Amino acid sequence: MSKLSNISSRQVIRALEKLGFYVDHQTGSHIIMRRDDPRTTIPIPERSEMRKGTLRKIIKQAGLTVDEFLTLL
């Protein structure tokens, strides 16, 4: 398993866009990303450095492994 290091919310958004996600809207400090097929909605907190637990939850919601996510960066 690869180590997750300092990854910003902008890097996460760019990686998820490669999988077909798009920015649906923003509510406060959270950017809501959505994919239509299969329908998935993921909230991304806007941070300069994402916490590891939060990042792992986002990766899991997207249906990826950590290694698959890191290749998208």
N, C-alpha and C. Protein backbone atom coordinates (compact mmCIF):
# COMPACT_ATOMS: atom_id res chain seq x y z
N MET A 1 0.84 -1.18 0.00
CA MET A 1 0.00 0.00 0.00
C MET A 1 0.89 1.24 0.00
N SER A 2 0.59 2.16 -0.85
CA SER A 2 1.38 3.37 -0.97
C SER A 2 1.00 4.38 0.09
N LYS A 3 1.94 5.25 0.38
CA LYS A 3 1.73 6.27 1.39
C LYS A 3 1.04 7.49 0.80
N LEU A 4 0.02 7.97 1.48
CA LEU A 4 -0.66 9.19 1.06
C LEU A 4 0.06 10.36 1.70
N SER A 5 0.50 11.30 0.90
CA SER A 5 1.20 12.46 1.44
C SER A 5 0.35 13.70 1.24
N ASN A 6 0.96 14.85 1.34
CA ASN A 6 0.25 16.13 1.27
C ASN A 6 -0.45 16.30 -0.07
N ILE A 7 -1.75 16.08 -0.07
CA ILE A 7 -2.56 16.20 -1.29
C ILE A 7 -3.63 17.24 -1.01
N SER A 8 -3.75 18.21 -1.91
CA SER A 8 -4.74 19.28 -1.73
C SER A 8 -6.08 18.85 -2.33
N SER A 9 -7.12 19.59 -1.99
CA SER A 9 -8.44 19.27 -2.53
C SER A 9 -8.47 19.50 -4.04
N ARG A 10 -7.71 20.45 -4.56
CA ARG A 10 -7.66 20.69 -6.00
C ARG A 10 -7.06 19.49 -6.74
N GLN A 11 -6.05 18.85 -6.15
CA GLN A 11 -5.46 17.65 -6.76
C GLN A 11 -6.47 16.51 -6.76
N VAL A 12 -7.25 16.38 -5.70
CA VAL A 12 -8.27 15.34 -5.61
C VAL A 12 -9.34 15.57 -6.68
N ILE A 13 -9.75 16.82 -6.85
CA ILE A 13 -10.77 17.14 -7.84
C ILE A 13 -10.27 16.81 -9.24
N ARG A 14 -9.02 17.17 -9.57
CA ARG A 14 -8.47 16.87 -10.89
C ARG A 14 -8.40 15.36 -11.13
N ALA A 15 -8.04 14.60 -10.10
CA ALA A 15 -7.96 13.15 -10.25
C ALA A 15 -9.34 12.55 -10.47
N LEU A 16 -10.35 13.01 -9.74
CA LEU A 16 -11.71 12.48 -9.89
C LEU A 16 -12.32 12.88 -11.23
N GLU A 17 -11.94 14.03 -11.76
CA GLU A 17 -12.45 14.44 -13.07
C GLU A 17 -11.99 13.48 -14.16
N LYS A 18 -10.84 12.86 -13.98
CA LYS A 18 -10.35 11.87 -14.93
C LYS A 18 -11.22 10.62 -14.94
N LEU A 19 -11.98 10.41 -13.86
CA LEU A 19 -12.87 9.25 -13.76
C LEU A 19 -14.30 9.56 -14.18
N GLY A 20 -14.54 10.78 -14.65
CA GLY A 20 -15.88 11.14 -15.09
C GLY A 20 -16.68 11.94 -14.08
N PHE A 21 -16.09 12.29 -12.95
CA PHE A 21 -16.77 13.14 -11.98
C PHE A 21 -16.72 14.58 -12.46
N TYR A 22 -17.68 15.37 -12.05
CA TYR A 22 -17.67 16.80 -12.35
C TYR A 22 -18.16 17.56 -11.12
N VAL A 23 -17.79 18.84 -11.04
CA VAL A 23 -18.22 19.67 -9.91
C VAL A 23 -19.68 20.02 -10.12
N ASP A 24 -20.52 19.56 -9.21
CA ASP A 24 -21.96 19.82 -9.29
C ASP A 24 -22.28 21.19 -8.68
N HIS A 25 -21.83 21.40 -7.44
CA HIS A 25 -22.03 22.69 -6.78
C HIS A 25 -21.14 22.75 -5.56
N GLN A 26 -21.17 23.91 -4.89
CA GLN A 26 -20.40 24.08 -3.66
C GLN A 26 -21.33 24.56 -2.57
N THR A 27 -21.22 23.94 -1.41
CA THR A 27 -21.99 24.34 -0.24
C THR A 27 -21.00 24.67 0.87
N GLY A 28 -20.85 25.94 1.17
CA GLY A 28 -19.88 26.35 2.18
C GLY A 28 -18.47 26.02 1.73
N SER A 29 -17.76 25.26 2.55
CA SER A 29 -16.38 24.90 2.23
C SER A 29 -16.28 23.52 1.58
N HIS A 30 -17.40 22.94 1.17
CA HIS A 30 -17.40 21.62 0.55
C HIS A 30 -17.80 21.70 -0.92
N ILE A 31 -16.98 21.11 -1.76
CA ILE A 31 -17.26 21.02 -3.19
C ILE A 31 -17.92 19.68 -3.43
N ILE A 32 -19.09 19.67 -4.04
CA ILE A 32 -19.84 18.45 -4.28
C ILE A 32 -19.56 17.97 -5.69
N MET A 33 -18.94 16.79 -5.79
CA MET A 33 -18.63 16.21 -7.10
C MET A 33 -19.62 15.09 -7.37
N ARG A 34 -19.94 14.92 -8.66
CA ARG A 34 -20.96 13.95 -9.04
C ARG A 34 -20.55 13.20 -10.30
N ARG A 35 -20.97 11.95 -10.37
CA ARG A 35 -20.80 11.13 -11.57
C ARG A 35 -22.16 10.51 -11.86
N ASP A 36 -22.54 10.49 -13.14
CA ASP A 36 -23.88 10.02 -13.49
C ASP A 36 -23.98 8.51 -13.67
N ASP A 37 -22.90 7.85 -14.15
CA ASP A 37 -22.98 6.41 -14.39
C ASP A 37 -21.74 5.71 -13.87
N PRO A 38 -21.80 4.97 -12.79
CA PRO A 38 -22.92 4.83 -11.86
C PRO A 38 -23.06 6.09 -11.02
N ARG A 39 -24.27 6.41 -10.66
CA ARG A 39 -24.54 7.66 -9.94
C ARG A 39 -23.84 7.65 -8.59
N THR A 40 -22.96 8.62 -8.42
CA THR A 40 -22.17 8.74 -7.20
C THR A 40 -22.01 10.22 -6.88
N THR A 41 -22.15 10.58 -5.63
CA THR A 41 -21.92 11.95 -5.17
C THR A 41 -20.91 11.92 -4.04
N ILE A 42 -19.88 12.76 -4.16
CA ILE A 42 -18.81 12.79 -3.16
C ILE A 42 -18.57 14.24 -2.74
N PRO A 43 -18.68 14.54 -1.43
CA PRO A 43 -18.33 15.88 -0.95
C PRO A 43 -16.81 15.97 -0.71
N ILE A 44 -16.20 17.04 -1.20
CA ILE A 44 -14.76 17.25 -1.04
C ILE A 44 -14.57 18.51 -0.22
N PRO A 45 -13.99 18.42 0.99
CA PRO A 45 -13.72 19.63 1.76
C PRO A 45 -12.60 20.42 1.09
N GLU A 46 -12.76 21.72 0.99
CA GLU A 46 -11.75 22.56 0.34
C GLU A 46 -10.64 22.86 1.35
N ARG A 47 -9.50 22.21 1.14
CA ARG A 47 -8.36 22.33 2.04
C ARG A 47 -7.07 22.38 1.22
N SER A 48 -6.06 23.03 1.78
CA SER A 48 -4.76 23.03 1.11
C SER A 48 -4.04 21.71 1.35
N GLU A 49 -4.36 21.05 2.46
CA GLU A 49 -3.80 19.73 2.75
C GLU A 49 -4.90 18.85 3.34
N MET A 50 -5.24 17.79 2.63
CA MET A 50 -6.32 16.89 3.02
C MET A 50 -5.83 15.94 4.11
N ARG A 51 -6.68 15.69 5.10
CA ARG A 51 -6.34 14.70 6.14
C ARG A 51 -6.38 13.31 5.52
N LYS A 52 -5.52 12.44 6.03
CA LYS A 52 -5.40 11.10 5.44
C LYS A 52 -6.69 10.29 5.55
N GLY A 53 -7.37 10.36 6.69
CA GLY A 53 -8.62 9.62 6.87
C GLY A 53 -9.71 10.10 5.92
N THR A 54 -9.79 11.41 5.76
CA THR A 54 -10.77 11.99 4.83
C THR A 54 -10.46 11.57 3.41
N LEU A 55 -9.19 11.61 3.05
CA LEU A 55 -8.78 11.23 1.70
C LEU A 55 -9.07 9.76 1.43
N ARG A 56 -8.83 8.90 2.39
CA ARG A 56 -9.13 7.47 2.22
C ARG A 56 -10.63 7.24 2.04
N LYS A 57 -11.46 7.99 2.75
CA LYS A 57 -12.91 7.87 2.61
C LYS A 57 -13.36 8.30 1.22
N ILE A 58 -12.77 9.38 0.70
CA ILE A 58 -13.10 9.86 -0.64
C ILE A 58 -12.70 8.81 -1.67
N ILE A 59 -11.52 8.23 -1.50
CA ILE A 59 -11.04 7.19 -2.43
C ILE A 59 -11.98 5.99 -2.41
N LYS A 60 -12.43 5.60 -1.22
CA LYS A 60 -13.34 4.46 -1.08
C LYS A 60 -14.69 4.75 -1.73
N GLN A 61 -15.22 5.98 -1.55
CA GLN A 61 -16.49 6.35 -2.15
C GLN A 61 -16.41 6.36 -3.68
N ALA A 62 -15.23 6.67 -4.20
CA ALA A 62 -15.04 6.68 -5.66
C ALA A 62 -14.86 5.27 -6.22
N GLY A 63 -14.71 4.28 -5.34
CA GLY A 63 -14.56 2.89 -5.78
C GLY A 63 -13.15 2.56 -6.24
N LEU A 64 -12.16 3.22 -5.64
CA LEU A 64 -10.77 3.02 -6.03
C LEU A 64 -9.97 2.45 -4.87
N THR A 65 -8.78 1.95 -5.20
CA THR A 65 -7.79 1.63 -4.18
C THR A 65 -6.86 2.84 -4.08
N VAL A 66 -6.04 2.87 -3.05
CA VAL A 66 -5.10 3.97 -2.88
C VAL A 66 -4.12 4.02 -4.04
N ASP A 67 -3.63 2.86 -4.46
CA ASP A 67 -2.68 2.81 -5.57
C ASP A 67 -3.31 3.31 -6.88
N GLU A 68 -4.55 2.93 -7.13
CA GLU A 68 -5.24 3.41 -8.33
C GLU A 68 -5.41 4.92 -8.30
N PHE A 69 -5.74 5.44 -7.11
CA PHE A 69 -5.91 6.88 -6.98
C PHE A 69 -4.58 7.61 -7.22
N LEU A 70 -3.50 7.09 -6.67
CA LEU A 70 -2.21 7.75 -6.83
C LEU A 70 -1.74 7.77 -8.28
N THR A 71 -2.15 6.78 -9.09
CA THR A 71 -1.77 6.82 -10.49
C THR A 71 -2.52 7.92 -11.25
N LEU A 72 -3.68 8.35 -10.74
CA LEU A 72 -4.45 9.41 -11.37
C LEU A 72 -3.88 10.80 -11.10
N LEU A 73 -3.04 10.91 -10.06
CA LEU A 73 -2.50 12.24 -9.71
C LEU A 73 -1.50 12.74 -10.69
